[in-house]
C-alpha atoms as a PDB file:
ATOM      1  CA  MET A   1       0.005  -0.004   0.000  1.00  0.00           C
ATOM      2  CA  SER A   2       1.562   3.258  -1.094  1.00  0.00           C
ATOM      3  CA  ARG A   3       1.578   6.280   1.188  1.00  0.00           C
ATOM      4  CA  SER A   4       0.039   9.545   0.105  1.00  0.00           C
ATOM      5  CA  PRO A   5       2.657  12.244  -0.521  1.00  0.00           C
ATOM      6  CA  LYS A   6       3.612  14.388   2.480  1.00  0.00           C
ATOM      7  CA  ARG A   7       1.795  17.699   2.499  1.00  0.00           C
ATOM      8  CA  ASP A   8       4.084  20.658   1.653  1.00  0.00           C
ATOM      9  CA  LEU A   9       2.426  23.488   3.559  1.00  0.00           C
ATOM     10  CA  GLU A  10       5.274  25.918   2.908  1.00  0.00           C
ATOM     11  CA  GLN A  11       4.842  25.467  -0.851  1.00  0.00           C
ATOM     12  CA  GLU A  12       1.052  25.760  -0.641  1.00  0.00           C
ATOM     13  CA  ILE A  13       1.153  29.032   1.261  1.00  0.00           C
ATOM     14  CA  THR A  14       3.969  30.399  -0.869  1.00  0.00           C
ATOM     15  CA  ASN A  15       2.038  29.590  -4.064  1.00  0.00           C
ATOM     16  CA  LYS A  16      -1.004  31.505  -2.755  1.00  0.00           C
ATOM     17  CA  ILE A  17       1.132  34.490  -1.830  1.00  0.00           C
ATOM     18  CA  ILE A  18       2.891  34.453  -5.199  1.00  0.00           C
ATOM     19  CA  ALA A  19      -0.484  34.428  -6.963  1.00  0.00           C
ATOM     20  CA  GLN A  20      -1.609  37.518  -5.012  1.00  0.00           C
ATOM     21  CA  LEU A  21       1.697  39.326  -5.431  1.00  0.00           C
ATOM     22  CA  GLU A  22       1.460  38.769  -9.168  1.00  0.00           C
ATOM     23  CA  GLN A  23      -1.842  40.664  -8.979  1.00  0.00           C
ATOM     24  CA  GLY A  24      -0.153  43.512  -7.061  1.00  0.00           C
ATOM     25  CA  VAL A  25      -1.563  42.522  -3.642  1.00  0.00           C
ATOM     26  CA  ALA A  26       0.563  41.870  -0.571  1.00  0.00           C
ATOM     27  CA  PRO A  27      -1.778  39.563   1.403  1.00  0.00           C
ATOM     28  CA  TRP A  28      -0.242  40.365   4.787  1.00  0.00           C
ATOM     29  CA  ARG A  29      -1.427  43.935   4.385  1.00  0.00           C
ATOM     30  CA  LYS A  30      -5.141  43.328   4.013  1.00  0.00           C
ATOM     31  CA  SER A  31      -5.948  40.110   5.805  1.00  0.00           C
ATOM     32  CA  TRP A  32      -6.372  41.187   9.378  1.00  0.00           C
ATOM     33  CA  ALA A  33      -9.724  42.960   9.259  1.00  0.00           C
ATOM     34  CA  SER A  34     -11.602  39.651   8.961  1.00  0.00           C
ATOM     35  CA  ILE A  35     -10.895  38.718  12.612  1.00  0.00           C
ATOM     36  CA  ASP A  36     -12.602  40.589  15.430  1.00  0.00           C
ATOM     37  CA  GLY A  37      -9.949  41.889  17.804  1.00  0.00           C
ATOM     38  CA  GLY A  38      -7.246  41.533  15.213  1.00  0.00           C
ATOM     39  CA  LEU A  39      -5.709  38.175  16.172  1.00  0.00           C
ATOM     40  CA  ALA A  40      -6.582  34.493  15.815  1.00  0.00           C
ATOM     41  CA  LEU A  41      -6.774  32.699  19.175  1.00  0.00           C
ATOM     42  CA  ARG A  42      -6.366  29.131  20.406  1.00  0.00           C
ATOM     43  CA  GLU A  43      -9.187  27.615  22.426  1.00  0.00           C
ATOM     44  CA  ASN A  44      -7.389  28.753  25.616  1.00  0.00           C
ATOM     45  CA  GLY A  45      -7.394  32.381  24.503  1.00  0.00           C
ATOM     46  CA  GLN A  46      -3.702  32.524  23.602  1.00  0.00           C
ATOM     47  CA  PRO A  47      -2.931  34.087  20.206  1.00  0.00           C
ATOM     48  CA  TYR A  48      -1.303  32.018  17.510  1.00  0.00           C
ATOM     49  CA  ARG A  49       2.193  33.097  16.592  1.00  0.00           C
ATOM     50  CA  GLY A  50       4.221  33.821  13.455  1.00  0.00           C
ATOM     51  CA  TRP A  51       2.981  32.494  10.183  1.00  0.00           C
ATOM     52  CA  ASN A  52       0.197  30.468  11.815  1.00  0.00           C
ATOM     53  CA  GLN A  53      -1.326  33.795  12.791  1.00  0.00           C
ATOM     54  CA  PHE A  54      -0.930  34.975   9.219  1.00  0.00           C
ATOM     55  CA  ILE A  55      -2.451  31.807   7.703  1.00  0.00           C
ATOM     56  CA  LEU A  56      -5.517  31.977   9.927  1.00  0.00           C
ATOM     57  CA  SER A  57      -5.924  35.717   9.326  1.00  0.00           C
ATOM     58  CA  MET A  58      -6.409  34.945   5.624  1.00  0.00           C
ATOM     59  CA  SER A  59      -9.222  32.507   6.272  1.00  0.00           C
ATOM     60  CA  GLY A  60     -12.068  35.058   6.109  1.00  0.00           C
ATOM     61  CA  TYR A  61     -13.666  34.012   9.446  1.00  0.00           C
ATOM     62  CA  SER A  62     -14.650  36.727  11.862  1.00  0.00           C
ATOM     63  CA  ASN A  63     -14.653  34.649  15.045  1.00  0.00           C
ATOM     64  CA  PRO A  64     -11.146  34.705  16.570  1.00  0.00           C
ATOM     65  CA  TYR A  65     -11.249  31.207  18.132  1.00  0.00           C
ATOM     66  CA  TRP A  66      -9.849  28.037  16.526  1.00  0.00           C
ATOM     67  CA  MET A  67      -9.402  24.472  17.736  1.00  0.00           C
ATOM     68  CA  THR A  68      -8.612  20.944  16.504  1.00  0.00           C
ATOM     69  CA  TYR A  69     -11.330  18.396  15.714  1.00  0.00           C
ATOM     70  CA  LYS A  70     -10.303  16.339  18.720  1.00  0.00           C
ATOM     71  CA  HIS A  71     -10.510  19.270  21.096  1.00  0.00           C
ATOM     72  CA  ALA A  72     -13.976  20.182  19.881  1.00  0.00           C
ATOM     73  CA  GLU A  73     -15.005  16.582  20.412  1.00  0.00           C
ATOM     74  CA  SER A  74     -13.445  16.455  23.862  1.00  0.00           C
ATOM     75  CA  ILE A  75     -15.712  19.270  25.103  1.00  0.00           C
ATOM     76  CA  GLY A  76     -18.879  17.786  23.609  1.00  0.00           C
ATOM     77  CA  ALA A  77     -18.914  19.855  20.410  1.00  0.00           C
ATOM     78  CA  GLN A  78     -18.902  18.664  16.797  1.00  0.00           C
ATOM     79  CA  VAL A  79     -17.377  19.989  13.586  1.00  0.00           C
ATOM     80  CA  ARG A  80     -20.163  20.170  11.062  1.00  0.00           C
ATOM     81  CA  GLY A  81     -20.126  17.632   8.248  1.00  0.00           C
ATOM     82  CA  GLY A  82     -18.424  18.817   5.087  1.00  0.00           C
ATOM     83  CA  GLU A  83     -16.381  21.507   6.839  1.00  0.00           C
ATOM     84  CA  LYS A  84     -12.700  21.688   5.879  1.00  0.00           C
ATOM     85  CA  GLY A  85      -9.969  22.506   8.336  1.00  0.00           C
ATOM     86  CA  THR A  86      -7.244  25.101   7.866  1.00  0.00           C
ATOM     87  CA  ALA A  87      -3.735  23.674   7.858  1.00  0.00           C
ATOM     88  CA  ILE A  88      -1.160  25.233  10.173  1.00  0.00           C
ATOM     89  CA  SER A  89       2.140  23.949  11.474  1.00  0.00           C
ATOM     90  CA  PHE A  90       4.015  23.097  14.625  1.00  0.00           C
ATOM     91  CA  TRP A  91       7.819  23.159  14.790  1.00  0.00           C
ATOM     92  CA  GLY A  92       9.609  20.969  17.260  1.00  0.00           C
ATOM     93  CA  LYS A  93      12.991  19.489  18.036  1.00  0.00           C
ATOM     94  CA  ALA A  94      13.711  15.756  18.038  1.00  0.00           C
ATOM     95  CA  LYS A  95      16.688  13.507  18.627  1.00  0.00           C
ATOM     96  CA  PRO A  96      17.806  10.978  16.029  1.00  0.00           C
ATOM     97  CA  LYS A  97      16.538   7.482  16.788  1.00  0.00           C
ATOM     98  CA  LYS A  98      19.964   5.874  16.546  1.00  0.00           C
ATOM     99  CA  ASN A  99      21.939   5.532  19.752  1.00  0.00           C
ATOM    100  CA  ASP A 100      24.612   8.062  18.952  1.00  0.00           C
ATOM    101  CA  PRO A 101      25.560  10.326  21.933  1.00  0.00           C
ATOM    102  CA  ASP A 102      27.073  12.862  19.503  1.00  0.00           C
ATOM    103  CA  ALA A 103      24.006  13.010  17.268  1.00  0.00           C
ATOM    104  CA  LYS A 104      22.497  16.485  17.239  1.00  0.00           C
ATOM    105  CA  PRO A 105      18.758  17.150  17.611  1.00  0.00           C
ATOM    106  CA  PHE A 106      17.002  18.182  14.444  1.00  0.00           C
ATOM    107  CA  MET A 107      14.014  20.438  13.753  1.00  0.00           C
ATOM    108  CA  PHE A 108      10.804  19.038  12.276  1.00  0.00           C
ATOM    109  CA  MET A 109       7.576  20.512  11.089  1.00  0.00           C
ATOM    110  CA  LYS A 110       4.217  18.834  11.779  1.00  0.00           C
ATOM    111  CA  VAL A 111       1.169  19.966   9.793  1.00  0.00           C
ATOM    112  CA  TYR A 112      -2.259  19.733  11.387  1.00  0.00           C
ATOM    113  CA  SER A 113      -5.700  21.178  10.867  1.00  0.00           C
ATOM    114  CA  VAL A 114      -7.762  23.531  13.009  1.00  0.00           C
ATOM    115  CA  PHE A 115     -11.386  24.631  12.653  1.00  0.00           C
ATOM    116  CA  ASN A 116     -12.879  28.004  13.307  1.00  0.00           C
ATOM    117  CA  VAL A 117     -15.630  28.146  15.937  1.00  0.00           C
ATOM    118  CA  ASP A 118     -18.043  29.164  13.152  1.00  0.00           C
ATOM    119  CA  GLN A 119     -17.546  25.620  11.722  1.00  0.00           C
ATOM    120  CA  ILE A 120     -18.446  23.893  14.956  1.00  0.00           C
ATOM    121  CA  ASP A 121     -21.770  23.161  16.679  1.00  0.00           C
ATOM    122  CA  GLY A 122     -22.386  22.790  20.409  1.00  0.00           C
ATOM    123  CA  LEU A 123     -19.680  25.069  21.826  1.00  0.00           C
ATOM    124  CA  PRO A 124     -20.071  27.077  25.043  1.00  0.00           C
ATOM    125  CA  GLU A 125     -20.960  30.746  24.823  1.00  0.00           C
ATOM    126  CA  LYS A 126     -17.440  31.783  25.885  1.00  0.00           C
ATOM    127  CA  PHE A 127     -16.287  31.043  22.328  1.00  0.00           C
ATOM    128  CA  TYR A 128     -18.609  33.694  20.921  1.00  0.00           C
ATOM    129  CA  PRO A 129     -17.269  36.933  22.411  1.00  0.00           C
ATOM    130  CA  GLN A 130     -18.904  40.227  21.621  1.00  0.00           C
ATOM    131  CA  PRO A 131     -16.396  42.366  19.698  1.00  0.00           C
ATOM    132  CA  VAL A 132     -15.131  45.348  21.638  1.00  0.00           C
ATOM    133  CA  GLU A 133     -16.228  48.388  19.729  1.00  0.00           C
ATOM    134  CA  ARG A 134     -13.502  51.036  19.549  1.00  0.00           C
ATOM    135  CA  THR A 135     -13.669  54.247  17.619  1.00  0.00           C
ATOM    136  CA  GLN A 136     -10.987  55.078  15.096  1.00  0.00           C
ATOM    137  CA  ILE A 137      -9.791  57.785  17.459  1.00  0.00           C
ATOM    138  CA  GLU A 138      -9.305  55.168  20.178  1.00  0.00           C
ATOM    139  CA  ARG A 139      -7.421  52.867  17.768  1.00  0.00           C
ATOM    140  CA  ASP A 140      -5.213  55.749  16.613  1.00  0.00           C
ATOM    141  CA  GLN A 141      -4.481  56.713  20.235  1.00  0.00           C
ATOM    142  CA  ALA A 142      -3.473  53.097  21.068  1.00  0.00           C
ATOM    143  CA  ALA A 143      -1.143  53.070  18.080  1.00  0.00           C
ATOM    144  CA  GLU A 144       0.343  56.440  19.065  1.00  0.00           C
ATOM    145  CA  GLU A 145       1.068  55.192  22.598  1.00  0.00           C
ATOM    146  CA  TYR A 146       2.561  51.969  21.267  1.00  0.00           C
ATOM    147  CA  ILE A 147       4.982  53.859  19.011  1.00  0.00           C
ATOM    148  CA  TYR A 148       5.862  56.364  21.759  1.00  0.00           C
ATOM    149  CA  GLU A 149       6.657  53.646  24.315  1.00  0.00           C
ATOM    150  CA  CYS A 150       9.271  52.117  21.986  1.00  0.00           C
ATOM    151  CA  LYS A 151      11.369  55.200  22.766  1.00  0.00           C
ATOM    152  CA  ALA A 152      13.068  55.143  19.367  1.00  0.00           C
ATOM    153  CA  ASP A 153      14.757  58.250  17.967  1.00  0.00           C
ATOM    154  CA  ILE A 154      12.157  59.327  15.408  1.00  0.00           C
ATOM    155  CA  ARG A 155      12.463  62.526  13.413  1.00  0.00           C
ATOM    156  CA  TRP A 156      10.040  64.042  10.938  1.00  0.00           C
ATOM    157  CA  GLY A 157      10.485  65.807   7.642  1.00  0.00           C
ATOM    158  CA  GLY A 158      11.070  65.048   3.953  1.00  0.00           C
ATOM    159  CA  GLY A 159       9.173  62.790   1.655  1.00  0.00           C
ATOM    160  CA  ARG A 160      10.547  59.354   2.577  1.00  0.00           C
ATOM    161  CA  ALA A 161      10.463  56.911   5.491  1.00  0.00           C
ATOM    162  CA  PHE A 162      13.638  55.011   6.431  1.00  0.00           C
ATOM    163  CA  TYR A 163      15.810  53.728   9.261  1.00  0.00           C
ATOM    164  CA  ILE A 164      19.480  54.755   9.378  1.00  0.00           C
ATOM    165  CA  PRO A 165      21.483  52.016  11.135  1.00  0.00           C
ATOM    166  CA  SER A 166      24.652  54.094  11.436  1.00  0.00           C
ATOM    167  CA  GLU A 167      22.744  56.774  13.387  1.00  0.00           C
ATOM    168  CA  ASP A 168      20.205  54.424  14.948  1.00  0.00           C
ATOM    169  CA  ARG A 169      17.302  56.698  14.041  1.00  0.00           C
ATOM    170  CA  ILE A 170      14.135  56.684  12.066  1.00  0.00           C
ATOM    171  CA  GLN A 171      13.106  59.379   9.586  1.00  0.00           C
ATOM    172  CA  LEU A 172       9.441  59.811   8.723  1.00  0.00           C
ATOM    173  CA  PRO A 173       7.468  62.348   6.666  1.00  0.00           C
ATOM    174  CA  ALA A 174       5.378  64.774   8.692  1.00  0.00           C
ATOM    175  CA  ILE A 175       2.253  63.097  10.131  1.00  0.00           C
ATOM    176  CA  ASP A 176       0.023  65.504   8.164  1.00  0.00           C
ATOM    177  CA  ASP A 177       1.559  64.243   4.921  1.00  0.00           C
ATOM    178  CA  PHE A 178      -0.114  60.853   5.394  1.00  0.00           C
ATOM    179  CA  GLU A 179      -3.665  60.110   4.297  1.00  0.00           C
ATOM    180  CA  ASP A 180      -4.689  59.335   7.893  1.00  0.00           C
ATOM    181  CA  TYR A 181      -3.107  58.328  11.182  1.00  0.00           C
ATOM    182  CA  ALA A 182      -3.442  54.635  10.444  1.00  0.00           C
ATOM    183  CA  ALA A 183      -1.267  55.122   7.374  1.00  0.00           C
ATOM    184  CA  TYR A 184       1.294  56.989   9.445  1.00  0.00           C
ATOM    185  CA  ALA A 185       1.237  54.349  12.231  1.00  0.00           C
ATOM    186  CA  GLY A 186       1.689  51.490   9.754  1.00  0.00           C
ATOM    187  CA  THR A 187       4.737  53.218   8.262  1.00  0.00           C
ATOM    188  CA  ALA A 188       6.198  54.071  11.677  1.00  0.00           C
ATOM    189  CA  ILE A 189       5.777  50.465  12.891  1.00  0.00           C
ATOM    190  CA  HIS A 190       7.360  49.194   9.680  1.00  0.00           C
ATOM    191  CA  GLU A 191      10.439  51.331  10.389  1.00  0.00           C
ATOM    192  CA  LEU A 192      10.422  50.313  14.046  1.00  0.00           C
ATOM    193  CA  ALA A 193      10.708  46.735  12.834  1.00  0.00           C
ATOM    194  CA  HIS A 194      13.918  47.681  10.965  1.00  0.00           C
ATOM    195  CA  TRP A 195      15.064  49.489  14.138  1.00  0.00           C
ATOM    196  CA  THR A 196      14.897  46.248  16.071  1.00  0.00           C
ATOM    197  CA  GLY A 197      17.415  44.722  13.705  1.00  0.00           C
ATOM    198  CA  ALA A 198      20.295  46.778  15.114  1.00  0.00           C
ATOM    199  CA  ALA A 199      23.220  44.754  16.500  1.00  0.00           C
ATOM    200  CA  HIS A 200      22.410  45.690  20.123  1.00  0.00           C
ATOM    201  CA  ARG A 201      18.749  44.626  19.698  1.00  0.00           C
ATOM    202  CA  LEU A 202      17.854  41.575  17.525  1.00  0.00           C
ATOM    203  CA  ASP A 203      21.006  41.758  15.392  1.00  0.00           C
ATOM    204  CA  ARG A 204      19.712  41.068  11.874  1.00  0.00           C
ATOM    205  CA  ASN A 205      21.679  41.774   8.698  1.00  0.00           C
ATOM    206  CA  LEU A 206      20.910  45.425   7.910  1.00  0.00           C
ATOM    207  CA  LYS A 207      23.941  45.970   5.679  1.00  0.00           C
ATOM    208  CA  THR A 208      22.002  45.236   2.508  1.00  0.00           C
ATOM    209  CA  GLY A 209      21.777  47.201  -0.728  1.00  0.00           C
ATOM    210  CA  HIS A 210      18.543  48.144  -2.489  1.00  0.00           C
ATOM    211  CA  GLY A 211      17.524  45.498  -4.989  1.00  0.00           C
ATOM    212  CA  THR A 212      19.368  42.631  -3.312  1.00  0.00           C
ATOM    213  CA  LYS A 213      17.707  39.499  -2.071  1.00  0.00           C
ATOM    214  CA  ASP A 214      18.880  40.166   1.468  1.00  0.00           C
ATOM    215  CA  TYR A 215      17.254  43.590   1.302  1.00  0.00           C
ATOM    216  CA  ALA A 216      14.018  42.021   0.064  1.00  0.00           C
ATOM    217  CA  ARG A 217      14.100  39.544   2.959  1.00  0.00           C
ATOM    218  CA  GLU A 218      14.565  42.314   5.525  1.00  0.00           C
ATOM    219  CA  GLU A 219      11.656  44.226   3.958  1.00  0.00           C
ATOM    220  CA  LEU A 220       9.542  41.079   4.259  1.00  0.00           C
ATOM    221  CA  VAL A 221      10.377  40.891   7.970  1.00  0.00           C
ATOM    222  CA  ALA A 222       9.342  44.549   8.446  1.00  0.00           C
ATOM    223  CA  GLU A 223       6.141  44.056   6.429  1.00  0.00           C
ATOM    224  CA  CYS A 224       5.202  40.924   8.378  1.00  0.00           C
ATOM    225  CA  SER A 225       6.023  42.611  11.684  1.00  0.00           C
ATOM    226  CA  ALA A 226       3.842  45.601  10.862  1.00  0.00           C
ATOM    227  CA  ALA A 227       0.995  43.301   9.850  1.00  0.00           C
ATOM    228  CA  LEU A 228       1.132  41.388  13.154  1.00  0.00           C
ATOM    229  CA  ILE A 229       1.334  44.527  15.304  1.00  0.00           C
ATOM    230  CA  CYS A 230      -1.242  46.536  13.385  1.00  0.00           C
ATOM    231  CA  GLY A 231      -3.534  43.489  13.528  1.00  0.00           C
ATOM    232  CA  HIS A 232      -3.228  43.497  17.302  1.00  0.00           C
ATOM    233  CA  LEU A 233      -3.902  47.252  17.386  1.00  0.00           C
ATOM    234  CA  GLY A 234      -6.928  46.854  15.085  1.00  0.00           C
ATOM    235  CA  LEU A 235      -5.416  48.975  12.300  1.00  0.00           C
ATOM    236  CA  GLU A 236      -5.972  48.098   8.662  1.00  0.00           C
ATOM    237  CA  ILE A 237      -2.907  49.397   6.855  1.00  0.00           C
ATOM    238  CA  GLU A 238      -2.849  50.321   3.194  1.00  0.00           C
ATOM    239  CA  PRO A 239       0.102  49.590   0.855  1.00  0.00           C
ATOM    240  CA  ARG A 240       2.974  52.025   1.099  1.00  0.00           C
ATOM    241  CA  GLU A 241       3.833  54.249  -1.864  1.00  0.00           C
ATOM    242  CA  ASP A 242       6.923  52.178  -2.523  1.00  0.00           C
ATOM    243  CA  HIS A 243       4.922  48.930  -2.362  1.00  0.00           C
ATOM    244  CA  ALA A 244       5.064  48.258  -6.121  1.00  0.00           C
ATOM    245  CA  ALA A 245       8.830  48.630  -6.195  1.00  0.00           C
ATOM    246  CA  TYR A 246       9.229  45.672  -3.853  1.00  0.00           C
ATOM    247  CA  LEU A 247       6.839  43.299  -5.569  1.00  0.00           C
ATOM    248  CA  SER A 248       9.313  41.883  -8.079  1.00  0.00           C
ATOM    249  CA  HIS A 249      11.961  41.408  -5.378  1.00  0.00           C
ATOM    250  CA  TRP A 250       9.532  39.599  -3.078  1.00  0.00           C
ATOM    251  CA  LEU A 251       8.429  37.390  -5.924  1.00  0.00           C
ATOM    252  CA  GLU A 252      12.029  36.514  -6.766  1.00  0.00           C
ATOM    253  CA  VAL A 253      12.756  35.566  -3.139  1.00  0.00           C
ATOM    254  CA  LEU A 254       9.562  33.489  -2.704  1.00  0.00           C
ATOM    255  CA  ARG A 255       9.975  31.672  -5.988  1.00  0.00           C
ATOM    256  CA  GLU A 256      13.523  30.718  -5.031  1.00  0.00           C
ATOM    257  CA  ASP A 257      12.820  29.735  -1.407  1.00  0.00           C
ATOM    258  CA  LYS A 258       9.469  28.260  -0.366  1.00  0.00           C
ATOM    259  CA  SER A 259      10.408  28.744   3.304  1.00  0.00           C
ATOM    260  CA  ALA A 260      11.041  32.506   2.944  1.00  0.00           C
ATOM    261  CA  ILE A 261       7.611  33.635   4.145  1.00  0.00           C
ATOM    262  CA  ARG A 262       7.662  31.280   7.132  1.00  0.00           C
ATOM    263  CA  LYS A 263      11.154  32.493   8.041  1.00  0.00           C
ATOM    264  CA  ALA A 264      10.033  36.096   7.650  1.00  0.00           C
ATOM    265  CA  PHE A 265       7.139  35.613  10.050  1.00  0.00           C
ATOM    266  CA  SER A 266       9.404  33.751  12.458  1.00  0.00           C
ATOM    267  CA  GLN A 267      11.676  36.799  12.540  1.00  0.00           C
ATOM    268  CA  ALA A 268       8.609  39.071  12.691  1.00  0.00           C
ATOM    269  CA  GLN A 269       7.391  37.309  15.791  1.00  0.00           C
ATOM    270  CA  LYS A 270      10.695  38.117  17.457  1.00  0.00           C
ATOM    271  CA  VAL A 271      10.171  41.732  16.465  1.00  0.00           C
ATOM    272  CA  VAL A 272       6.672  41.717  17.937  1.00  0.00           C
ATOM    273  CA  ASP A 273       7.920  40.142  21.211  1.00  0.00           C
ATOM    274  CA  PHE A 274      10.745  42.714  21.428  1.00  0.00           C
ATOM    275  CA  LEU A 275       8.491  45.731  20.873  1.00  0.00           C
ATOM    276  CA  ASP A 276       5.709  44.340  23.102  1.00  0.00           C
ATOM    277  CA  ASP A 277       8.220  43.988  25.921  1.00  0.00           C
ATOM    278  CA  LEU A 278       8.812  47.749  25.683  1.00  0.00           C
ATOM    279  CA  GLN A 279       5.165  48.437  26.369  1.00  0.00           C
ATOM    280  CA  PRO A 280       3.754  49.106  29.858  1.00  0.00           C
ATOM    281  CA  ALA A 281       1.588  46.192  31.030  1.00  0.00           C
ATOM    282  CA  GLU A 282      -1.560  48.341  31.141  1.00  0.00           C
ATOM    283  CA  LEU A 283      -1.041  49.575  27.577  1.00  0.00           C
ATOM    284  CA  GLU A 284      -0.448  46.043  26.232  1.00  0.00           C
ATOM    285  CA  ALA A 285      -3.642  44.820  27.885  1.00  0.00           C
ATOM    286  CA  ALA A 286      -5.695  47.680  26.414  1.00  0.00           C
ATOM    287  CA  ALA A 287      -4.514  47.205  22.847  1.00  0.00           C
END
């Protein structure tokens, strides 16, 4: 009896992203509005991390809660017939089976399916939270406080946004030059993601030239970081003015390396954790 081929989730997700990028759409920029509260949650209320968060955000479901078929069954609920799960992944470390004391552990990826609460019958009411209504002014204020608490050296003026590693500072256009505050906040958070890459912070490779693959990868990290943070803050961010210039570079990287988007979100999660740690506890809870 032949085994069915192993599912290649990295290639599946990469193919979907490539298809959207070819249409001029960066999916990490527009996917978060479908989930109330901005983030997809496990059944215990903890948010998914990295690219699992991204995958679930693209699902189109508005309920934030997800669980496995077995967990739903264990609490007396039932996934409705005909419903299809959404594949996400778990990364772990394992030791080789052979008895070699010098053998090094290796990383493995396990693919499994989860179902949104809207696909399941018989769940308790706690899985159907009422969305917290916040005005745009309240969302903008939360974003402003988040950016402020990072305590980065941010200066305003000129027509471009960028981070200067040699001076460890961020340059942004004047706030009034943006279409709205959400557009400004999305750009500021994107640059804050680059700021975390400094050697004395997360130490990523920032010595990259425009148009190189390493530069494209760092831009992916910043894009994914901004998507995760703005999703948490409830901000829907529009494409930057320089968005089109990066499309071909992102496509080149993704076509060459199916793991590039997963790696970008893995780095982005480190960015989120770093910036979240700079926030006062009360501010983080309110976001």
